Protein backbone atom coordinates (compact mmCIF):
# COMPACT_ATOMS: atom_id res chain seq x y z
CA MET A 1 19.36 31.72 -12.05
CA SER A 2 16.50 32.75 -9.66
CA VAL A 3 13.57 29.99 -8.81
CA PRO A 4 10.23 31.25 -10.10
CA SER A 5 7.80 31.12 -7.51
CA ASN A 6 4.64 28.79 -9.05
CA ILE A 7 7.58 26.04 -9.09
CA LEU A 8 8.26 25.92 -5.88
CA GLN A 9 4.72 26.93 -5.03
CA GLN A 10 4.04 23.55 -7.29
CA PHE A 11 6.21 21.84 -5.50
CA ILE A 12 4.48 22.30 -2.27
CA GLU A 13 1.68 21.86 -3.27
CA ALA A 14 2.98 18.13 -4.61
CA ILE A 15 3.91 17.27 -0.68
CA GLU A 16 1.12 18.37 0.74
CA GLU A 17 -1.62 16.10 -1.60
CA GLU A 18 1.11 13.38 -1.03
CA LEU A 19 0.56 13.87 2.41
CA ASN A 20 -3.23 13.83 1.59
CA LEU A 21 -2.97 10.53 -0.01
CA LEU A 22 -0.87 8.97 2.64
CA GLY A 23 -3.41 9.39 5.66
CA GLN A 24 -6.16 7.96 3.50
CA LEU A 25 -4.05 5.23 2.35
CA GLU A 26 -3.38 4.82 6.00
CA GLN A 27 -7.23 4.93 6.64
CA SER A 28 -7.57 2.24 4.05
CA PHE A 29 -5.18 -0.21 5.53
CA GLU A 30 -7.19 0.34 9.00
CA ALA A 31 -10.53 -0.44 6.66
CA GLN A 32 -8.88 -4.09 5.83
CA LEU A 33 -7.92 -4.77 9.42
CA GLU A 34 -11.29 -3.96 10.44
CA ALA A 35 -12.69 -5.57 7.50
CA LEU A 36 -10.70 -9.25 8.45
CA ARG A 37 -11.88 -8.86 12.03
CA ARG A 38 -15.23 -8.44 11.00
CA HIS A 39 -14.77 -11.24 8.58
CA ASP A 40 -16.85 -9.09 5.99
CA HIS A 41 -15.26 -10.15 2.67
CA GLU A 42 -16.76 -7.34 1.01
CA ALA A 43 -15.37 -4.51 2.75
CA LEU A 44 -12.42 -5.85 2.65
CA GLU A 45 -12.27 -6.34 -1.57
CA GLN A 46 -13.49 -3.00 -1.49
CA ALA A 47 -11.22 -1.64 0.77
CA ALA A 48 -8.32 -3.57 -1.18
CA MET A 49 -9.41 -1.90 -4.25
CA GLN A 50 -8.87 1.53 -2.53
CA THR A 51 -5.89 1.00 -1.37
CA SER A 52 -4.72 -0.01 -5.06
CA GLU A 53 -5.95 3.31 -6.65
CA LEU A 54 -4.42 5.10 -3.73
CA VAL A 55 -0.79 3.44 -4.38
CA THR A 56 -1.14 3.64 -8.02
CA ARG A 57 -2.51 7.80 -7.48
CA LEU A 58 0.69 8.20 -4.63
CA GLU A 59 3.34 6.63 -7.37
CA ARG A 60 1.83 9.46 -10.20
CA LEU A 61 2.63 11.74 -7.38
CA GLN A 62 5.34 10.86 -6.16
CA GLN A 63 6.60 11.18 -9.73
CA LYS A 64 5.63 14.81 -10.13
CA ARG A 65 7.06 15.40 -7.22
CA ALA A 66 11.07 13.98 -8.02
CA GLY A 67 10.22 15.90 -11.11
CA LYS A 68 9.73 19.25 -9.50
CA GLY A 69 12.73 18.36 -7.10
CA ARG A 70 15.11 18.09 -10.09
CA LEU A 71 14.23 21.17 -11.94
CA LEU A 72 14.86 22.74 -8.90
CA ARG A 73 17.89 21.18 -8.50
CA ARG A 74 18.70 22.14 -11.50
CA MET A 75 17.96 26.10 -11.47
CA LEU A 76 19.85 25.93 -8.13
CA LYS A 77 22.21 24.46 -10.53
CA LEU A 78 22.62 21.71 -7.56
CA GLU A 79 23.39 17.62 -8.70
CA LEU A 80 20.29 15.88 -9.81
CA THR A 81 21.28 13.75 -6.90
CA ALA A 82 21.67 16.12 -4.10
CA SER A 83 20.33 15.06 -1.52
CA THR A 84 16.73 17.16 0.12
CA GLU A 85 19.18 18.55 2.66
CA GLN A 86 21.44 19.99 0.11
CA LEU A 87 17.61 21.26 -1.84
CA LEU A 88 17.12 22.96 1.42
CA ALA A 89 20.22 24.44 1.94
CA ALA A 90 20.68 25.97 -1.50
CA LEU A 91 17.06 27.37 -1.10
CA GLU A 92 17.37 29.28 2.65
CA ALA A 93 20.66 30.64 1.27
CA ARG A 94 18.93 32.99 -0.98
CA SER A 95 16.37 35.26 0.65
CA GLU A 96 13.79 35.33 -2.02
CA THR A 97 13.26 31.15 -1.55
CA GLN A 98 14.07 31.26 2.41
CA ALA A 99 10.15 31.24 3.46
CA ALA A 100 9.81 28.51 0.63
CA ALA A 101 12.39 26.87 2.08
CA HIS A 102 11.19 26.74 5.90
CA THR A 103 7.98 25.50 4.60
CA LEU A 104 9.48 22.45 2.58
CA ARG A 105 11.22 22.13 5.93
CA GLY A 106 8.34 21.77 8.13
CA LEU A 107 6.24 19.64 5.43
CA GLN A 108 9.51 17.25 4.61
CA GLN A 109 9.10 16.56 8.50
CA ARG A 110 5.65 15.85 8.76
CA LEU A 111 6.40 13.41 5.48
CA GLN A 112 8.62 11.14 7.05
CA GLN A 113 6.37 11.16 10.15
CA GLN A 114 3.46 10.05 8.13
CA LEU A 115 5.47 7.80 6.06
CA GLN A 116 6.68 5.76 9.39
CA GLN A 117 3.02 5.64 10.18
CA THR A 118 1.36 4.72 7.01
CA ARG A 119 4.56 1.78 6.67
CA GLN A 120 3.50 0.40 10.30
CA ARG A 121 -0.07 0.25 9.13
CA CYS A 122 0.69 -1.61 6.71
CA GLU A 123 3.11 -4.12 8.36
CA SER A 124 0.35 -4.43 10.81
CA LEU A 125 -2.12 -5.76 7.90
CA GLU A 126 0.31 -7.67 5.77
CA PHE A 127 1.08 -9.26 9.62
CA SER A 128 -2.61 -9.79 9.78
CA LEU A 129 -3.74 -10.84 6.32
CA LYS A 130 -0.42 -13.72 6.14
CA TYR A 131 -2.00 -15.21 9.37
CA ALA A 132 -5.91 -14.99 8.05
CA ILE A 133 -4.00 -17.44 5.16
CA GLN A 134 -2.07 -19.75 7.60
CA ILE A 135 -6.19 -19.82 9.96
CA GLY A 136 -7.25 -20.59 6.39
CA GLN A 137 -4.46 -23.29 5.15
CA GLU A 138 -4.77 -25.20 8.67
CA LEU A 139 -8.20 -25.17 8.78
CA LEU A 140 -8.56 -26.52 4.88
CA GLU A 141 -6.32 -29.56 5.93
CA LEU A 142 -8.29 -30.26 9.08
CA LEU A 143 -10.93 -30.63 6.68
CA GLN A 144 -8.81 -32.72 4.31
CA ALA A 145 -7.73 -34.68 7.44
CA LEU A 146 -11.63 -35.23 8.19
CA ASP A 147 -12.77 -39.17 7.58
CA GLN A 148 -15.46 -38.77 4.34
CA PRO A 149 -18.71 -40.80 5.44
CA ALA A 150 -19.00 -44.23 3.69
CA SER A 151 -20.80 -43.35 0.70
CA ARG A 152 -21.74 -46.03 -2.58
CA VAL A 153 -22.02 -44.75 -5.40
CA TYR A 154 -23.73 -46.81 -8.95
CA THR A 155 -21.86 -48.49 -11.72
CA PRO A 156 -23.03 -48.51 -14.81
CA THR A 157 -24.21 -52.01 -14.58
CA GLY A 158 -26.74 -51.22 -11.50
CA GLN A 159 -24.67 -52.37 -9.18
CA THR A 160 -23.50 -49.80 -6.13
CA ARG A 161 -20.01 -50.05 -5.25
CA GLN A 162 -17.99 -48.19 -2.96
CA ALA A 163 -17.15 -44.28 -3.69
CA SER A 164 -13.57 -43.60 -4.10
CA PRO A 165 -11.41 -42.87 -0.52
CA GLN A 166 -11.06 -38.99 0.71
CA ARG A 167 -12.16 -36.85 -2.03
CA SER A 168 -10.35 -33.52 -1.85
CA VAL A 169 -12.02 -30.09 -0.38
CA VAL A 170 -9.74 -28.06 -2.67
CA ASN A 171 -8.66 -28.51 -6.16
CA ARG A 172 -4.69 -28.59 -5.67
CA LEU A 173 -4.51 -28.90 -9.60
CA GLY A 174 -6.55 -25.81 -10.69
């Protein structure tokens, strides 16, 4: 069975779009890191929302690419679980798809590199966010440990009495 060129082209375009989205995702991670460095909560929230949107788009695109890959595997009479390398080898074995196979091989290498870079940036962001949370918790614990100034309150009878000791800075129940 011959492989329609439009299916191959759609598969190639899906990988190219995935590369583009991964680059945008990496930039979004960097924007979050920069917002953390500047203590800019609004920019951090915007970048986090952009990241969420990009991840959703990336997941949809990966599903589309996987569907095109399964279709190509069926057309080439490969098992649906065949590796990308097996798919590329089957495409290279056909004269009419050798050029597309060469393009796909290059895109696959670029995709692996971009995935690795994006994963590293994500790990840096994860570490930074965990560190920021830890610092925030330590600051809250420090504030809670401070002695509260002596304060007096009025009772219903008009008398004054000592206010309750230790007022919590953070409502731990709600």
